[in-house]
Structures are given as structure tokens and as C-alpha cells.
């Protein structure tokens, strides 16, 4: 009931994100691009950001996670 109430109060753009979340891929060599919500979108040098309006989930590929860990431990 709570989510239905929020869906009815939001604008069309926000309601579409609630119904069909967006998955954006970030990588070192390419500009950000929308990708399909599929296993083929997972790559070792990508960051995937899932915007489901209520929850934002970030997935780091293995190379990005290692790079992130090394840089943050040196600070």
C-alpha cells in the first residue's frame, strides 16, 4: 500500500523509474551508457549503478574493486 501511494503521487518520470529501474554502466575507457539488466553487463572493469528509485545499488567489477581498495588504504 505504501509503494502504491507513492507511485500515485509521483510524476511520470519518477513512476517509470519505480516500474522499470535504470542500469547505468561506467568504465575507464567508455562514457556512461545504459545497459540491459542482464548477466552480460557484468565486467571486471565496470561499475554498474542500479537506480530503482527507492534503492540505489552499486556493483564494482573485480579490477575496480581492487583499484578502489588500494587507493583508499593509502589515504
N, C-alpha and C. Protein backbone atom coordinates (compact mmCIF):
# COMPACT_ATOMS: atom_id res chain seq x y z
N UNK A 1 0.82 -1.19 0.00
CA UNK A 1 0.00 0.00 0.00
C UNK A 1 0.87 1.26 0.00
N UNK A 2 1.98 1.23 0.73
CA UNK A 2 2.86 2.39 0.81
C UNK A 2 3.44 2.73 -0.56
N UNK A 3 3.98 1.73 -1.25
CA UNK A 3 4.60 1.97 -2.55
C UNK A 3 3.56 2.39 -3.58
N UNK A 4 2.37 1.84 -3.52
CA UNK A 4 1.30 2.24 -4.44
C UNK A 4 0.91 3.70 -4.20
N UNK A 5 0.86 4.12 -2.95
CA UNK A 5 0.55 5.51 -2.64
C UNK A 5 1.62 6.44 -3.21
N UNK A 6 2.90 6.06 -3.04
CA UNK A 6 3.97 6.88 -3.60
C UNK A 6 3.94 6.90 -5.12
N UNK A 7 3.63 5.78 -5.73
CA UNK A 7 3.54 5.72 -7.19
C UNK A 7 2.47 6.66 -7.71
N UNK A 8 1.35 6.73 -7.04
CA UNK A 8 0.26 7.60 -7.47
C UNK A 8 0.57 9.08 -7.27
N UNK A 9 1.45 9.42 -6.36
CA UNK A 9 1.76 10.82 -6.09
C UNK A 9 2.90 11.38 -6.94
N UNK A 10 3.71 10.52 -7.54
CA UNK A 10 4.89 10.97 -8.27
C UNK A 10 4.57 11.37 -9.70
N UNK A 11 5.51 12.12 -10.29
CA UNK A 11 5.42 12.49 -11.70
C UNK A 11 5.71 11.26 -12.55
N UNK A 12 5.41 11.36 -13.84
CA UNK A 12 5.55 10.23 -14.75
C UNK A 12 6.99 9.71 -14.80
N UNK A 13 7.97 10.60 -14.86
CA UNK A 13 9.37 10.18 -14.96
C UNK A 13 9.77 9.34 -13.76
N UNK A 14 9.41 9.79 -12.57
CA UNK A 14 9.74 9.03 -11.36
C UNK A 14 8.96 7.72 -11.29
N UNK A 15 7.72 7.72 -11.75
CA UNK A 15 6.92 6.50 -11.73
C UNK A 15 7.50 5.46 -12.67
N UNK A 16 8.03 5.89 -13.81
CA UNK A 16 8.64 4.95 -14.74
C UNK A 16 9.88 4.31 -14.12
N UNK A 17 10.67 5.08 -13.38
CA UNK A 17 11.85 4.52 -12.70
C UNK A 17 11.43 3.50 -11.66
N UNK A 18 10.31 3.74 -10.98
CA UNK A 18 9.81 2.77 -9.99
C UNK A 18 9.41 1.46 -10.67
N UNK A 19 8.80 1.57 -11.85
CA UNK A 19 8.32 0.38 -12.55
C UNK A 19 9.44 -0.33 -13.28
N UNK A 20 10.30 0.44 -13.97
CA UNK A 20 11.41 -0.14 -14.73
C UNK A 20 12.70 0.57 -14.31
N UNK A 21 13.45 -0.01 -13.38
CA UNK A 21 14.69 0.63 -12.90
C UNK A 21 15.70 0.80 -14.03
N UNK A 22 16.60 1.78 -13.88
CA UNK A 22 17.63 2.02 -14.89
C UNK A 22 18.96 1.47 -14.39
N UNK A 23 19.71 0.88 -15.30
CA UNK A 23 21.04 0.34 -15.01
C UNK A 23 22.04 1.07 -15.88
N UNK A 24 22.96 1.81 -15.27
CA UNK A 24 23.95 2.59 -15.98
C UNK A 24 25.32 1.96 -15.75
N UNK A 25 26.10 1.85 -16.84
CA UNK A 25 27.43 1.28 -16.78
C UNK A 25 28.47 2.38 -16.91
N UNK A 26 29.45 2.37 -16.00
CA UNK A 26 30.58 3.29 -16.04
C UNK A 26 31.83 2.46 -16.20
N UNK A 27 32.75 2.91 -17.06
CA UNK A 27 34.03 2.22 -17.20
C UNK A 27 35.13 3.24 -17.43
N UNK A 28 36.38 2.78 -17.38
CA UNK A 28 37.52 3.67 -17.54
C UNK A 28 37.63 4.20 -18.97
N UNK A 29 37.27 3.40 -19.95
CA UNK A 29 37.51 3.76 -21.34
C UNK A 29 36.28 4.27 -22.10
N UNK A 30 35.08 4.08 -21.57
CA UNK A 30 33.87 4.46 -22.27
C UNK A 30 33.06 5.45 -21.45
N UNK A 31 32.28 6.30 -22.11
CA UNK A 31 31.39 7.18 -21.35
C UNK A 31 30.25 6.37 -20.72
N UNK A 32 29.56 6.93 -19.74
CA UNK A 32 28.43 6.20 -19.12
C UNK A 32 27.38 5.85 -20.17
N UNK A 33 26.84 4.65 -20.05
CA UNK A 33 25.82 4.21 -21.00
C UNK A 33 24.81 3.31 -20.30
N UNK A 34 23.55 3.38 -20.71
CA UNK A 34 22.56 2.46 -20.15
C UNK A 34 22.79 1.05 -20.70
N UNK A 35 22.63 0.06 -19.85
CA UNK A 35 22.79 -1.33 -20.27
C UNK A 35 21.59 -2.13 -19.82
N UNK A 36 21.46 -3.32 -20.40
CA UNK A 36 20.35 -4.20 -20.06
C UNK A 36 20.62 -4.85 -18.70
N UNK A 37 19.56 -5.12 -17.99
CA UNK A 37 19.65 -5.79 -16.70
C UNK A 37 19.84 -7.28 -16.96
N UNK A 38 21.11 -7.64 -17.20
CA UNK A 38 21.45 -8.99 -17.63
C UNK A 38 22.86 -9.32 -17.14
N UNK A 39 23.17 -10.58 -17.07
CA UNK A 39 24.49 -11.03 -16.63
C UNK A 39 25.58 -10.55 -17.58
N UNK A 40 25.27 -10.36 -18.85
CA UNK A 40 26.27 -9.92 -19.81
C UNK A 40 26.76 -8.50 -19.53
N UNK A 41 26.09 -7.75 -18.71
CA UNK A 41 26.50 -6.38 -18.36
C UNK A 41 27.64 -6.37 -17.34
N UNK A 42 27.84 -7.48 -16.65
CA UNK A 42 28.89 -7.56 -15.63
C UNK A 42 30.23 -7.74 -16.32
N UNK A 43 31.20 -6.89 -15.93
CA UNK A 43 32.54 -6.96 -16.50
C UNK A 43 33.52 -6.56 -15.40
N UNK A 44 34.78 -6.98 -15.51
CA UNK A 44 35.75 -6.73 -14.44
C UNK A 44 36.16 -5.27 -14.34
N UNK A 45 36.01 -4.50 -15.42
CA UNK A 45 36.43 -3.10 -15.38
C UNK A 45 35.25 -2.13 -15.46
N UNK A 46 34.11 -2.52 -14.94
CA UNK A 46 32.91 -1.69 -14.96
C UNK A 46 32.37 -1.44 -13.57
N UNK A 47 31.68 -0.32 -13.46
CA UNK A 47 30.86 -0.01 -12.29
C UNK A 47 29.43 0.04 -12.79
N UNK A 48 28.54 -0.71 -12.17
CA UNK A 48 27.13 -0.71 -12.54
C UNK A 48 26.34 -0.02 -11.44
N UNK A 49 25.49 0.92 -11.84
CA UNK A 49 24.66 1.65 -10.90
C UNK A 49 23.21 1.37 -11.24
N UNK A 50 22.50 0.74 -10.30
CA UNK A 50 21.09 0.42 -10.48
C UNK A 50 20.26 1.42 -9.68
N UNK A 51 19.45 2.21 -10.38
CA UNK A 51 18.58 3.19 -9.74
C UNK A 51 17.16 2.65 -9.78
N UNK A 52 16.66 2.20 -8.64
CA UNK A 52 15.31 1.66 -8.54
C UNK A 52 14.40 2.60 -7.75
N UNK A 53 14.74 3.88 -7.72
CA UNK A 53 14.02 4.96 -7.07
C UNK A 53 14.09 4.86 -5.55
N UNK A 54 13.72 3.75 -4.97
CA UNK A 54 13.75 3.60 -3.53
C UNK A 54 15.12 3.13 -3.05
N UNK A 55 15.84 2.41 -3.90
CA UNK A 55 17.13 1.84 -3.55
C UNK A 55 18.10 2.09 -4.70
N UNK A 56 19.31 2.51 -4.37
CA UNK A 56 20.38 2.65 -5.35
C UNK A 56 21.44 1.62 -5.00
N UNK A 57 21.78 0.77 -5.97
CA UNK A 57 22.75 -0.30 -5.75
C UNK A 57 23.93 -0.09 -6.67
N UNK A 58 25.14 -0.23 -6.14
CA UNK A 58 26.36 -0.06 -6.92
C UNK A 58 27.12 -1.38 -6.91
N UNK A 59 27.51 -1.84 -8.12
CA UNK A 59 28.31 -3.05 -8.27
C UNK A 59 29.66 -2.67 -8.84
N UNK A 60 30.74 -3.11 -8.19
CA UNK A 60 32.09 -2.86 -8.68
C UNK A 60 32.63 -4.14 -9.28
N UNK A 61 33.19 -4.05 -10.50
CA UNK A 61 33.89 -5.19 -11.09
C UNK A 61 35.16 -5.46 -10.29
N UNK A 62 35.79 -6.61 -10.53
CA UNK A 62 36.94 -7.02 -9.73
C UNK A 62 38.09 -6.03 -9.85
N UNK A 63 38.41 -5.57 -11.06
CA UNK A 63 39.51 -4.63 -11.22
C UNK A 63 39.22 -3.30 -10.53
N UNK A 64 38.01 -2.84 -10.62
CA UNK A 64 37.62 -1.58 -9.97
C UNK A 64 37.65 -1.74 -8.46
N UNK A 65 37.19 -2.85 -7.95
CA UNK A 65 37.20 -3.08 -6.50
C UNK A 65 38.63 -3.13 -5.96
N UNK A 66 39.53 -3.79 -6.70
CA UNK A 66 40.93 -3.83 -6.27
C UNK A 66 41.55 -2.44 -6.32
N UNK A 67 41.27 -1.69 -7.38
CA UNK A 67 41.80 -0.34 -7.51
C UNK A 67 41.27 0.55 -6.39
N UNK A 68 39.99 0.42 -6.09
CA UNK A 68 39.37 1.21 -5.04
C UNK A 68 39.98 0.87 -3.69
N UNK A 69 40.21 -0.39 -3.42
CA UNK A 69 40.79 -0.82 -2.15
C UNK A 69 42.22 -0.33 -1.97
N UNK A 70 43.01 -0.36 -3.02
CA UNK A 70 44.39 0.09 -2.94
C UNK A 70 44.44 1.58 -2.70
N UNK A 71 43.63 2.36 -3.42
CA UNK A 71 43.65 3.80 -3.26
C UNK A 71 43.16 4.25 -1.89
N UNK A 72 42.13 3.63 -1.36
CA UNK A 72 41.60 4.04 -0.07
C UNK A 72 42.49 3.60 1.08
N UNK A 73 43.25 2.55 0.92
CA UNK A 73 44.13 2.13 2.02
C UNK A 73 45.36 3.01 2.12
N UNK A 74 45.72 3.72 1.04
CA UNK A 74 46.88 4.60 1.07
C UNK A 74 46.55 5.96 1.65
N UNK A 75 45.27 6.29 1.76
CA UNK A 75 44.88 7.62 2.27
C UNK A 75 45.05 7.69 3.76
